[in-house]
Amino acid sequence: MTIIRSLLLFTLAALAEIGGAWLIWQGVREHRGLLFIGAGVAALGAYGFVATFQPDPHFGRVLAAYGDIYVAGSLAWGILVDRFRPDRYDLIGAAICLAGVAVIMYAPRGV
């Protein structure tokens, strides 16, 4: 159950951070206005709190693993929202990142 909770928190963090950055991008680069920018800032602020709910108590470990989630999540966001078509190297890189999450966060460790 702890792994499922952790993965759900990583997913929530990715949605908040990637979504927030996308909203700001839309507000500034696509001239969609202050509402988009404000919503993006709020989402990025929410992201800052999500990691604190991870079951692992080590900040560095959680953020290192999240960085890999962020890479894969950004590609997924691009596919779903921006109709981005990743090439095989994007997909291989994302798979390597997700393997890194498994090693960093969920490898068995001694007490």
PDB file of N, CA and C in Angstrom:
ATOM      1  N   MET A   1       0.815  -1.198   0.000  1.00  0.00           N
ATOM      2  CA  MET A   1       0.000   0.000   0.000  1.00  0.00           C
ATOM      3  C   MET A   1       0.860   1.264   0.000  1.00  0.00           C
ATOM      4  N   THR A   2       2.014   1.195   0.656  1.00  0.00           N
ATOM      5  CA  THR A   2       2.893   2.358   0.718  1.00  0.00           C
ATOM      6  C   THR A   2       3.402   2.735  -0.669  1.00  0.00           C
ATOM      7  N   ILE A   3       3.723   1.751  -1.498  1.00  0.00           N
ATOM      8  CA  ILE A   3       4.206   2.036  -2.850  1.00  0.00           C
ATOM      9  C   ILE A   3       3.100   2.682  -3.679  1.00  0.00           C
ATOM     10  N   ILE A   4       1.892   2.180  -3.559  1.00  0.00           N
ATOM     11  CA  ILE A   4       0.767   2.765  -4.303  1.00  0.00           C
ATOM     12  C   ILE A   4       0.547   4.213  -3.875  1.00  0.00           C
ATOM     13  N   ARG A   5       0.573   4.462  -2.570  1.00  0.00           N
ATOM     14  CA  ARG A   5       0.414   5.837  -2.064  1.00  0.00           C
ATOM     15  C   ARG A   5       1.518   6.736  -2.617  1.00  0.00           C
ATOM     16  N   SER A   6       2.736   6.246  -2.575  1.00  0.00           N
ATOM     17  CA  SER A   6       3.872   7.014  -3.074  1.00  0.00           C
ATOM     18  C   SER A   6       3.718   7.332  -4.554  1.00  0.00           C
ATOM     19  N   LEU A   7       3.327   6.351  -5.353  1.00  0.00           N
ATOM     20  CA  LEU A   7       3.142   6.574  -6.791  1.00  0.00           C
ATOM     21  C   LEU A   7       2.013   7.563  -7.070  1.00  0.00           C
ATOM     22  N   LEU A   8       0.937   7.478  -6.284  1.00  0.00           N
ATOM     23  CA  LEU A   8      -0.162   8.447  -6.449  1.00  0.00           C
ATOM     24  C   LEU A   8       0.302   9.858  -6.102  1.00  0.00           C
ATOM     25  N   LEU A   9       1.112   9.993  -5.058  1.00  0.00           N
ATOM     26  CA  LEU A   9       1.647  11.313  -4.707  1.00  0.00           C
ATOM     27  C   LEU A   9       2.584  11.836  -5.794  1.00  0.00           C
ATOM     28  N   PHE A  10       3.409  10.966  -6.358  1.00  0.00           N
ATOM     29  CA  PHE A  10       4.269  11.390  -7.466  1.00  0.00           C
ATOM     30  C   PHE A  10       3.428  11.856  -8.650  1.00  0.00           C
ATOM     31  N   THR A  11       2.350  11.142  -8.933  1.00  0.00           N
ATOM     32  CA  THR A  11       1.474  11.528 -10.035  1.00  0.00           C
ATOM     33  C   THR A  11       0.822  12.878  -9.769  1.00  0.00           C
ATOM     34  N   LEU A  12       0.350  13.083  -8.561  1.00  0.00           N
ATOM     35  CA  LEU A  12      -0.250  14.365  -8.200  1.00  0.00           C
ATOM     36  C   LEU A  12       0.769  15.501  -8.302  1.00  0.00           C
ATOM     37  N   ALA A  13       1.981  15.248  -7.833  1.00  0.00           N
ATOM     38  CA  ALA A  13       3.037  16.255  -7.928  1.00  0.00           C
ATOM     39  C   ALA A  13       3.328  16.600  -9.381  1.00  0.00           C
ATOM     40  N   ALA A  14       3.395  15.585 -10.224  1.00  0.00           N
ATOM     41  CA  ALA A  14       3.672  15.829 -11.647  1.00  0.00           C
ATOM     42  C   ALA A  14       2.555  16.633 -12.298  1.00  0.00           C
ATOM     43  N   LEU A  15       1.321  16.294 -11.985  1.00  0.00           N
ATOM     44  CA  LEU A  15       0.198  17.055 -12.556  1.00  0.00           C
ATOM     45  C   LEU A  15       0.248  18.516 -12.114  1.00  0.00           C
ATOM     46  N   ALA A  16       0.561  18.746 -10.844  1.00  0.00           N
ATOM     47  CA  ALA A  16       0.616  20.124 -10.346  1.00  0.00           C
ATOM     48  C   ALA A  16       1.785  20.895 -10.959  1.00  0.00           C
ATOM     49  N   GLU A  17       2.968  20.278 -10.982  1.00  0.00           N
ATOM     50  CA  GLU A  17       4.130  21.009 -11.497  1.00  0.00           C
ATOM     51  C   GLU A  17       4.085  21.184 -13.012  1.00  0.00           C
ATOM     52  N   ILE A  18       3.840  20.117 -13.720  1.00  0.00           N
ATOM     53  CA  ILE A  18       3.809  20.202 -15.179  1.00  0.00           C
ATOM     54  C   ILE A  18       2.621  21.043 -15.627  1.00  0.00           C
ATOM     55  N   GLY A  19       1.471  20.824 -15.003  1.00  0.00           N
ATOM     56  CA  GLY A  19       0.293  21.625 -15.339  1.00  0.00           C
ATOM     57  C   GLY A  19       0.507  23.096 -15.029  1.00  0.00           C
ATOM     58  N   GLY A  20       1.129  23.387 -13.893  1.00  0.00           N
ATOM     59  CA  GLY A  20       1.406  24.775 -13.539  1.00  0.00           C
ATOM     60  C   GLY A  20       2.354  25.446 -14.518  1.00  0.00           C
ATOM     61  N   ALA A  21       3.407  24.740 -14.876  1.00  0.00           N
ATOM     62  CA  ALA A  21       4.354  25.295 -15.846  1.00  0.00           C
ATOM     63  C   ALA A  21       3.680  25.494 -17.208  1.00  0.00           C
ATOM     64  N   TRP A  22       2.823  24.542 -17.597  1.00  0.00           N
ATOM     65  CA  TRP A  22       2.107  24.655 -18.869  1.00  0.00           C
ATOM     66  C   TRP A  22       1.177  25.864 -18.858  1.00  0.00           C
ATOM     67  N   LEU A  23       0.470  26.065 -17.744  1.00  0.00           N
ATOM     68  CA  LEU A  23      -0.429  27.220 -17.649  1.00  0.00           C
ATOM     69  C   LEU A  23       0.338  28.534 -17.781  1.00  0.00           C
ATOM     70  N   ILE A  24       1.478  28.627 -17.119  1.00  0.00           N
ATOM     71  CA  ILE A  24       2.285  29.845 -17.235  1.00  0.00           C
ATOM     72  C   ILE A  24       2.783  30.011 -18.673  1.00  0.00           C
ATOM     73  N   TRP A  25       3.221  28.925 -19.272  1.00  0.00           N
ATOM     74  CA  TRP A  25       3.652  28.947 -20.680  1.00  0.00           C
ATOM     75  C   TRP A  25       2.532  29.493 -21.561  1.00  0.00           C
ATOM     76  N   GLN A  26       1.330  28.978 -21.351  1.00  0.00           N
ATOM     77  CA  GLN A  26       0.178  29.429 -22.135  1.00  0.00           C
ATOM     78  C   GLN A  26      -0.103  30.908 -21.879  1.00  0.00           C
ATOM     79  N   GLY A  27      -0.040  31.315 -20.632  1.00  0.00           N
ATOM     80  CA  GLY A  27      -0.310  32.704 -20.291  1.00  0.00           C
ATOM     81  C   GLY A  27       0.678  33.676 -20.890  1.00  0.00           C
ATOM     82  N   VAL A  28       1.954  33.304 -20.885  1.00  0.00           N
ATOM     83  CA  VAL A  28       3.005  34.210 -21.368  1.00  0.00           C
ATOM     84  C   VAL A  28       3.270  34.023 -22.859  1.00  0.00           C
ATOM     85  N   ARG A  29       3.625  32.815 -23.262  1.00  0.00           N
ATOM     86  CA  ARG A  29       4.058  32.592 -24.648  1.00  0.00           C
ATOM     87  C   ARG A  29       2.913  32.568 -25.641  1.00  0.00           C
ATOM     88  N   GLU A  30       1.753  32.121 -25.183  1.00  0.00           N
ATOM     89  CA  GLU A  30       0.594  32.041 -26.075  1.00  0.00           C
ATOM     90  C   GLU A  30      -0.379  33.190 -25.832  1.00  0.00           C
ATOM     91  N   HIS A  31       0.014  34.135 -24.989  1.00  0.00           N
ATOM     92  CA  HIS A  31      -0.760  35.363 -24.726  1.00  0.00           C
ATOM     93  C   HIS A  31      -2.190  35.074 -24.274  1.00  0.00           C
ATOM     94  N   ARG A  32      -2.328  34.094 -23.354  1.00  0.00           N
ATOM     95  CA  ARG A  32      -3.666  33.744 -22.879  1.00  0.00           C
ATOM     96  C   ARG A  32      -4.050  34.502 -21.620  1.00  0.00           C
ATOM     97  N   GLY A  33      -3.126  35.268 -21.063  1.00  0.00           N
ATOM     98  CA  GLY A  33      -3.494  36.200 -20.012  1.00  0.00           C
ATOM     99  C   GLY A  33      -3.135  35.827 -18.591  1.00  0.00           C
ATOM    100  N   LEU A  34      -3.471  36.768 -17.709  1.00  0.00           N
ATOM    101  CA  LEU A  34      -3.115  36.670 -16.301  1.00  0.00           C
ATOM    102  C   LEU A  34      -3.835  35.537 -15.580  1.00  0.00           C
ATOM    103  N   LEU A  35      -5.018  35.172 -16.014  1.00  0.00           N
ATOM    104  CA  LEU A  35      -5.732  34.079 -15.377  1.00  0.00           C
ATOM    105  C   LEU A  35      -4.945  32.772 -15.503  1.00  0.00           C
ATOM    106  N   PHE A  36      -4.407  32.514 -16.668  1.00  0.00           N
ATOM    107  CA  PHE A  36      -3.583  31.326 -16.876  1.00  0.00           C
ATOM    108  C   PHE A  36      -2.325  31.395 -16.021  1.00  0.00           C
ATOM    109  N   ILE A  37      -1.699  32.558 -16.009  1.00  0.00           N
ATOM    110  CA  ILE A  37      -0.470  32.728 -15.227  1.00  0.00           C
ATOM    111  C   ILE A  37      -0.758  32.519 -13.738  1.00  0.00           C
ATOM    112  N   GLY A  38      -1.813  33.136 -13.235  1.00  0.00           N
ATOM    113  CA  GLY A  38      -2.170  32.987 -11.824  1.00  0.00           C
ATOM    114  C   GLY A  38      -2.494  31.550 -11.458  1.00  0.00           C
ATOM    115  N   ALA A  39      -3.231  30.869 -12.320  1.00  0.00           N
ATOM    116  CA  ALA A  39      -3.553  29.462 -12.069  1.00  0.00           C
ATOM    117  C   ALA A  39      -2.279  28.618 -12.065  1.00  0.00           C
ATOM    118  N   GLY A  40      -1.355  28.945 -12.957  1.00  0.00           N
ATOM    119  CA  GLY A  40      -0.085  28.228 -13.003  1.00  0.00           C
ATOM    120  C   GLY A  40       0.735  28.432 -11.740  1.00  0.00           C
ATOM    121  N   VAL A  41       0.779  29.658 -11.258  1.00  0.00           N
ATOM    122  CA  VAL A  41       1.507  29.940 -10.021  1.00  0.00           C
ATOM    123  C   VAL A  41       0.881  29.174  -8.856  1.00  0.00           C
ATOM    124  N   ALA A  42      -0.436  29.143  -8.792  1.00  0.00           N
ATOM    125  CA  ALA A  42      -1.127  28.406  -7.723  1.00  0.00           C
ATOM    126  C   ALA A  42      -0.824  26.907  -7.806  1.00  0.00           C
ATOM    127  N   ALA A  43      -0.834  26.361  -9.007  1.00  0.00           N
ATOM    128  CA  ALA A  43      -0.535  24.931  -9.181  1.00  0.00           C
ATOM    129  C   ALA A  43       0.896  24.623  -8.774  1.00  0.00           C
ATOM    130  N   LEU A  44       1.825  25.493  -9.142  1.00  0.00           N
ATOM    131  CA  LEU A  44       3.215  25.277  -8.753  1.00  0.00           C
ATOM    132  C   LEU A  44       3.378  25.372  -7.241  1.00  0.00           C
ATOM    133  N   GLY A  45       2.632  26.262  -6.614  1.00  0.00           N
ATOM    134  CA  GLY A  45       2.662  26.340  -5.159  1.00  0.00           C
ATOM    135  C   GLY A  45       2.137  25.070  -4.518  1.00  0.00           C
ATOM    136  N   ALA A  46       1.066  24.523  -5.076  1.00  0.00           N
ATOM    137  CA  ALA A  46       0.503  23.267  -4.554  1.00  0.00           C
ATOM    138  C   ALA A  46       1.503  22.128  -4.709  1.00  0.00           C
ATOM    139  N   TYR A  47       2.200  22.109  -5.815  1.00  0.00           N
ATOM    140  CA  TYR A  47       3.219  21.075  -6.042  1.00  0.00           C
ATOM    141  C   TYR A  47       4.234  21.067  -4.906  1.00  0.00           C
ATOM    142  N   GLY A  48       4.601  22.251  -4.433  1.00  0.00           N
ATOM    143  CA  GLY A  48       5.596  22.356  -3.382  1.00  0.00           C
ATOM    144  C   GLY A  48       5.215  21.627  -2.098  1.00  0.00           C
ATOM    145  N   PHE A  49       3.928  21.444  -1.875  1.00  0.00           N
ATOM    146  CA  PHE A  49       3.474  20.765  -0.671  1.00  0.00           C
ATOM    147  C   PHE A  49       3.329  19.257  -0.849  1.00  0.00           C
ATOM    148  N   VAL A  50       3.111  18.809  -2.056  1.00  0.00           N
ATOM    149  CA  VAL A  50       2.784  17.396  -2.281  1.00  0.00           C
ATOM    150  C   VAL A  50       3.911  16.464  -1.842  1.00  0.00           C
ATOM    151  N   ALA A  51       5.145  16.824  -2.112  1.00  0.00           N
ATOM    152  CA  ALA A  51       6.268  15.943  -1.762  1.00  0.00           C
ATOM    153  C   ALA A  51       6.359  15.701  -0.260  1.00  0.00           C
ATOM    154  N   THR A  52       5.875  16.630   0.531  1.00  0.00           N
ATOM    155  CA  THR A  52       5.966  16.460   1.984  1.00  0.00           C
ATOM    156  C   THR A  52       5.112  15.299   2.488  1.00  0.00           C
ATOM    157  N   PHE A  53       4.202  14.809   1.673  1.00  0.00           N
ATOM    158  CA  PHE A  53       3.345  13.696   2.074  1.00  0.00           C
ATOM    159  C   PHE A  53       3.911  12.330   1.683  1.00  0.00           C
ATOM    160  N   GLN A  54       5.067  12.314   1.013  1.00  0.00           N
ATOM    161  CA  GLN A  54       5.684  11.038   0.656  1.00  0.00           C
ATOM    162  C   GLN A  54       6.034  10.264   1.926  1.00  0.00           C
ATOM    163  N   PRO A  55       5.845   8.940   1.914  1.00  0.00           N
ATOM    164  CA  PRO A  55       6.156   8.146   3.103  1.00  0.00           C
ATOM    165  C   PRO A  55       7.649   8.137   3.459  1.00  0.00           C
ATOM    166  N   ASP A  56       8.526   8.241   2.478  1.00  0.00           N
ATOM    167  CA  ASP A  56       9.966   8.242   2.746  1.00  0.00           C
ATOM    168  C   ASP A  56      10.358   9.579   3.370  1.00  0.00           C
ATOM    169  N   PRO A  57      11.118   9.571   4.449  1.00  0.00           N
ATOM    170  CA  PRO A  57      11.442  10.814   5.145  1.00  0.00           C
ATOM    171  C   PRO A  57      12.624  11.592   4.567  1.00  0.00           C
ATOM    172  N   HIS A  58      13.261  11.096   3.535  1.00  0.00           N
ATOM    173  CA  HIS A  58      14.485  11.706   3.018  1.00  0.00           C
ATOM    174  C   HIS A  58      14.190  12.618   1.828  1.00  0.00           C
ATOM    175  N   PHE A  59      14.329  13.911   2.055  1.00  0.00           N
ATOM    176  CA  PHE A  59      14.035  14.927   1.034  1.00  0.00           C
ATOM    177  C   PHE A  59      14.804  14.669  -0.263  1.00  0.00           C
ATOM    178  N   GLY A  60      16.095  14.444  -0.153  1.00  0.00           N
ATOM    179  CA  GLY A  60      16.914  14.243  -1.355  1.00  0.00           C
ATOM    180  C   GLY A  60      16.480  13.044  -2.175  1.00  0.00           C
ATOM    181  N   ARG A  61      16.154  11.960  -1.504  1.00  0.00           N
ATOM    182  CA  ARG A  61      15.712  10.755  -2.210  1.00  0.00           C
ATOM    183  C   ARG A  61      14.385  10.993  -2.917  1.00  0.00           C
ATOM    184  N   VAL A  62      13.454  11.614  -2.215  1.00  0.00           N
ATOM    185  CA  VAL A  62      12.127  11.865  -2.799  1.00  0.00           C
ATOM    186  C   VAL A  62      12.253  12.772  -4.015  1.00  0.00           C
ATOM    187  N   LEU A  63      13.012  13.870  -3.907  1.00  0.00           N
ATOM    188  CA  LEU A  63      13.124  14.782  -5.041  1.00  0.00           C
ATOM    189  C   LEU A  63      13.931  14.187  -6.189  1.00  0.00           C
ATOM    190  N   ALA A  64      14.932  13.371  -5.886  1.00  0.00           N
ATOM    191  CA  ALA A  64      15.682  12.707  -6.958  1.00  0.00           C
ATOM    192  C   ALA A  64      14.771  11.778  -7.749  1.00  0.00           C
ATOM    193  N   ALA A  65      13.980  10.985  -7.041  1.00  0.00           N
ATOM    194  CA  ALA A  65      13.058  10.077  -7.719  1.00  0.00           C
ATOM    195  C   ALA A  65      11.994  10.865  -8.467  1.00  0.00           C
ATOM    196  N   TYR A  66      11.509  11.943  -7.847  1.00  0.00           N
ATOM    197  CA  TYR A  66      10.484  12.742  -8.519  1.00  0.00           C
ATOM    198  C   TYR A  66      11.010  13.333  -9.825  1.00  0.00           C
ATOM    199  N   GLY A  67      12.281  13.697  -9.856  1.00  0.00           N
ATOM    200  CA  GLY A  67      12.855  14.235 -11.089  1.00  0.00           C
ATOM    201  C   GLY A  67      12.660  13.284 -12.260  1.00  0.00           C
ATOM    202  N   ASP A  68      12.804  11.997 -11.989  1.00  0.00           N
ATOM    203  CA  ASP A  68      12.580  11.004 -13.046  1.00  0.00           C
ATOM    204  C   ASP A  68      11.110  10.929 -13.436  1.00  0.00           C
ATOM    205  N   ILE A  69      10.232  11.022 -12.446  1.00  0.00           N
ATOM    206  CA  ILE A  69       8.790  11.044 -12.728  1.00  0.00           C
ATOM    207  C   ILE A  69       8.456  12.267 -13.582  1.00  0.00           C
ATOM    208  N   TYR A  70       9.094  13.388 -13.257  1.00  0.00           N
ATOM    209  CA  TYR A  70       8.857  14.632 -13.992  1.00  0.00           C
ATOM    210  C   TYR A  70       9.214  14.470 -15.473  1.00  0.00           C
ATOM    211  N   VAL A  71      10.328  13.812 -15.756  1.00  0.00           N
ATOM    212  CA  VAL A  71      10.746  13.600 -17.152  1.00  0.00           C
ATOM    213  C   VAL A  71       9.698  12.787 -17.903  1.00  0.00           C
ATOM    214  N   ALA A  72       9.325  11.659 -17.355  1.00  0.00           N
ATOM    215  CA  ALA A  72       8.330  10.808 -18.021  1.00  0.00           C
ATOM    216  C   ALA A  72       6.968  11.502 -18.089  1.00  0.00           C
ATOM    217  N   GLY A  73       6.602  12.186 -17.022  1.00  0.00           N
ATOM    218  CA  GLY A  73       5.322  12.894 -16.991  1.00  0.00           C
ATOM    219  C   GLY A  73       5.256  14.024 -17.994  1.00  0.00           C
ATOM    220  N   SER A  74       6.370  14.712 -18.191  1.00  0.00           N
ATOM    221  CA  SER A  74       6.402  15.801 -19.170  1.00  0.00           C
ATOM    222  C   SER A  74       6.169  15.279 -20.583  1.00  0.00           C
ATOM    223  N   LEU A  75       6.770  14.150 -20.891  1.00  0.00           N
ATOM    224  CA  LEU A  75       6.525  13.549 -22.210  1.00  0.00           C
ATOM    225  C   LEU A  75       5.066  13.113 -22.338  1.00  0.00           C
ATOM    226  N   ALA A  76       4.522  12.516 -21.283  1.00  0.00           N
ATOM    227  CA  ALA A  76       3.112  12.104 -21.325  1.00  0.00           C
ATOM    228  C   ALA A  76       2.197  13.321 -21.489  1.00  0.00           C
ATOM    229  N   TRP A  77       2.493  14.403 -20.782  1.00  0.00           N
ATOM    230  CA  TRP A  77       1.705  15.639 -20.914  1.00  0.00           C
ATOM    231  C   TRP A  77       1.766  16.127 -22.360  1.00  0.00           C
ATOM    232  N   GLY A  78       2.957  16.124 -22.922  1.00  0.00           N
ATOM    233  CA  GLY A  78       3.111  16.561 -24.305  1.00  0.00           C
ATOM    234  C   GLY A  78       2.278  15.730 -25.269  1.00  0.00           C
ATOM    235  N   ILE A  79       2.239  14.429 -25.036  1.00  0.00           N
ATOM    236  CA  ILE A  79       1.456  13.540 -25.891  1.00  0.00           C
ATOM    237  C   ILE A  79      -0.036  13.844 -25.748  1.00  0.00           C
ATOM    238  N   LEU A  80      -0.505  13.934 -24.511  1.00  0.00           N
ATOM    239  CA  LEU A  80      -1.940  14.079 -24.251  1.00  0.00           C
ATOM    240  C   LEU A  80      -2.470  15.484 -24.510  1.00  0.00           C
ATOM    241  N   VAL A  81      -1.684  16.501 -24.193  1.00  0.00           N
ATOM    242  CA  VAL A  81      -2.187  17.871 -24.244  1.00  0.00           C
ATOM    243  C   VAL A  81      -1.728  18.607 -25.504  1.00  0.00           C
ATOM    244  N   ASP A  82      -0.475  18.445 -25.860  1.00  0.00           N
ATOM    245  CA  ASP A  82       0.079  19.201 -26.989  1.00  0.00           C
ATOM    246  C   ASP A  82       0.235  18.388 -28.267  1.00  0.00           C
ATOM    247  N   ARG A  83      -0.232  17.140 -28.239  1.00  0.00           N
ATOM    248  CA  ARG A  83      -0.156  16.265 -29.405  1.00  0.00           C
ATOM    249  C   ARG A  83       1.284  16.061 -29.898  1.00  0.00           C
ATOM    250  N   PHE A  84       2.191  16.042 -28.937  1.00  0.00           N
ATOM    251  CA  PHE A  84       3.604  15.788 -29.207  1.00  0.00           C
ATOM    252  C   PHE A  84       3.792  14.310 -29.513  1.00  0.00           C
ATOM    253  N   ARG A  85       4.644  14.005 -30.494  1.00  0.00           N
ATOM    254  CA  ARG A  85       4.928  12.617 -30.850  1.00  0.00           C
ATOM    255  C   ARG A  85       6.367  12.297 -30.487  1.00  0.00           C
ATOM    256  N   PRO A  86       6.569  11.617 -29.355  1.00  0.00           N
ATOM    257  CA  PRO A  86       7.939  11.294 -28.952  1.00  0.00           C
ATOM    258  C   PRO A  86       8.562  10.277 -29.899  1.00  0.00           C
ATOM    259  N   ASP A  87       9.869  10.382 -30.069  1.00  0.00           N
ATOM    260  CA  ASP A  87      10.555   9.367 -30.861  1.00  0.00           C
ATOM    261  C   ASP A  87      11.055   8.265 -29.929  1.00  0.00           C
ATOM    262  N   ARG A  88      11.690   7.278 -30.493  1.00  0.00           N
ATOM    263  CA  ARG A  88      12.098   6.129 -29.668  1.00  0.00           C
ATOM    264  C   ARG A  88      13.094   6.519 -28.594  1.00  0.00           C
ATOM    265  N   TYR A  89      13.903   7.542 -28.847  1.00  0.00           N
ATOM    266  CA  TYR A  89      14.873   7.970 -27.841  1.00  0.00           C
ATOM    267  C   TYR A  89      14.186   8.662 -26.664  1.00  0.00           C
ATOM    268  N   ASP A  90      13.126   9.408 -26.940  1.00  0.00           N
ATOM    269  CA  ASP A  90      12.326   9.972 -25.849  1.00  0.00           C
ATOM    270  C   ASP A  90      11.761   8.846 -24.980  1.00  0.00           C
ATOM    271  N   LEU A  91      11.222   7.830 -25.626  1.00  0.00           N
ATOM    272  CA  LEU A  91      10.593   6.723 -24.893  1.00  0.00           C
ATOM    273  C   LEU A  91      11.627   5.898 -24.127  1.00  0.00           C
ATOM    274  N   ILE A  92      12.780   5.661 -24.734  1.00  0.00           N
ATOM    275  CA  ILE A  92      13.847   4.934 -24.038  1.00  0.00           C
ATOM    276  C   ILE A  92      14.319   5.738 -22.824  1.00  0.00           C
ATOM    277  N   GLY A  93      14.500   7.031 -23.009  1.00  0.00           N
ATOM    278  CA  GLY A  93      14.916   7.875 -21.900  1.00  0.00           C
ATOM    279  C   GLY A  93      13.912   7.876 -20.765  1.00  0.00           C
ATOM    280  N   ALA A  94      12.627   7.942 -21.100  1.00  0.00           N
ATOM    281  CA  ALA A  94      11.585   7.912 -20.071  1.00  0.00           C
ATOM    282  C   ALA A  94      11.594   6.570 -19.336  1.00  0.00           C
ATOM    283  N   ALA A  95      11.797   5.482 -20.067  1.00  0.00           N
ATOM    284  CA  ALA A  95      11.844   4.156 -19.431  1.00  0.00           C
ATOM    285  C   ALA A  95      13.034   4.059 -18.473  1.00  0.00           C
ATOM    286  N   ILE A  96      14.163   4.613 -18.873  1.00  0.00           N
ATOM    287  CA  ILE A  96      15.335   4.626 -17.989  1.00  0.00           C
ATOM    288  C   ILE A  96      15.028   5.427 -16.724  1.00  0.00           C
ATOM    289  N   CYS A  97      14.371   6.565 -16.897  1.00  0.00           N
ATOM    290  CA  CYS A  97      14.001   7.384 -15.741  1.00  0.00           C
ATOM    291  C   CYS A  97      13.077   6.630 -14.791  1.00  0.00           C
ATOM    292  N   LEU A  98      12.083   5.952 -15.332  1.00  0.00           N
ATOM    293  CA  LEU A  98      11.156   5.215 -14.480  1.00  0.00           C
ATOM    294  C   LEU A  98      11.844   4.043 -13.780  1.00  0.00           C
ATOM    295  N   ALA A  99      12.813   3.437 -14.443  1.00  0.00           N
ATOM    296  CA  ALA A  99      13.612   2.406 -13.768  1.00  0.00           C
ATOM    297  C   ALA A  99      14.393   3.036 -12.615  1.00  0.00           C
ATOM    298  N   GLY A 100      14.871   4.257 -12.816  1.00  0.00           N
ATOM    299  CA  GLY A 100      15.570   4.971 -11.749  1.00  0.00           C
ATOM    300  C   GLY A 100      14.679   5.203 -10.541  1.00  0.00           C
ATOM    301  N   VAL A 101      13.418   5.536 -10.771  1.00  0.00           N
ATOM    302  CA  VAL A 101      12.473   5.717  -9.660  1.00  0.00           C
ATOM    303  C   VAL A 101      12.367   4.425  -8.862  1.00  0.00           C
ATOM    304  N   ALA A 102      12.227   3.315  -9.562  1.00  0.00           N
ATOM    305  CA  ALA A 102      12.083   2.031  -8.883  1.00  0.00           C
ATOM    306  C   ALA A 102      13.304   1.727  -8.007  1.00  0.00           C
ATOM    307  N   VAL A 103      14.483   2.020  -8.524  1.00  0.00           N
ATOM    308  CA  VAL A 103      15.705   1.757  -7.765  1.00  0.00           C
ATOM    309  C   VAL A 103      15.836   2.715  -6.586  1.00  0.00           C
ATOM    310  N   ILE A 104      15.641   4.000  -6.838  1.00  0.00           N
ATOM    311  CA  ILE A 104      15.833   5.003  -5.790  1.00  0.00           C
ATOM    312  C   ILE A 104      14.805   4.850  -4.663  1.00  0.00           C
ATOM    313  N   MET A 105      13.547   4.699  -5.009  1.00  0.00           N
ATOM    314  CA  MET A 105      12.492   4.726  -4.004  1.00  0.00           C
ATOM    315  C   MET A 105      12.110   3.370  -3.436  1.00  0.00           C
ATOM    316  N   TYR A 106      12.145   2.339  -4.241  1.00  0.00           N
ATOM    317  CA  TYR A 106      11.496   1.102  -3.826  1.00  0.00           C
ATOM    318  C   TYR A 106      12.423  -0.102  -3.706  1.00  0.00           C
ATOM    319  N   ALA A 107      13.719   0.114  -3.874  1.00  0.00           N
ATOM    320  CA  ALA A 107      14.660  -0.996  -3.671  1.00  0.00           C
ATOM    321  C   ALA A 107      14.671  -1.379  -2.188  1.00  0.00           C
ATOM    322  N   PRO A 108      14.785  -2.663  -1.910  1.00  0.00           N
ATOM    323  CA  PRO A 108      14.828  -3.058  -0.491  1.00  0.00           C
ATOM    324  C   PRO A 108      16.095  -2.523   0.171  1.00  0.00           C
ATOM    325  N   ARG A 109      15.917  -1.966   1.339  1.00  0.00           N
ATOM    326  CA  ARG A 109      17.042  -1.434   2.094  1.00  0.00           C
ATOM    327  C   ARG A 109      17.053  -2.066   3.477  1.00  0.00           C
ATOM    328  N   GLY A 110      18.251  -2.256   3.990  1.00  0.00           N
ATOM    329  CA  GLY A 110      18.365  -2.754   5.359  1.00  0.00           C
ATOM    330  C   GLY A 110      18.005  -1.678   6.365  1.00  0.00           C
ATOM    331  N   VAL A 111      17.726  -2.100   7.558  1.00  0.00           N
ATOM    332  CA  VAL A 111      17.340  -1.148   8.618  1.00  0.00           C
ATOM    333  C   VAL A 111      18.514  -0.485   9.208  1.00  0.00           C
TER     334      VAL A 111
END
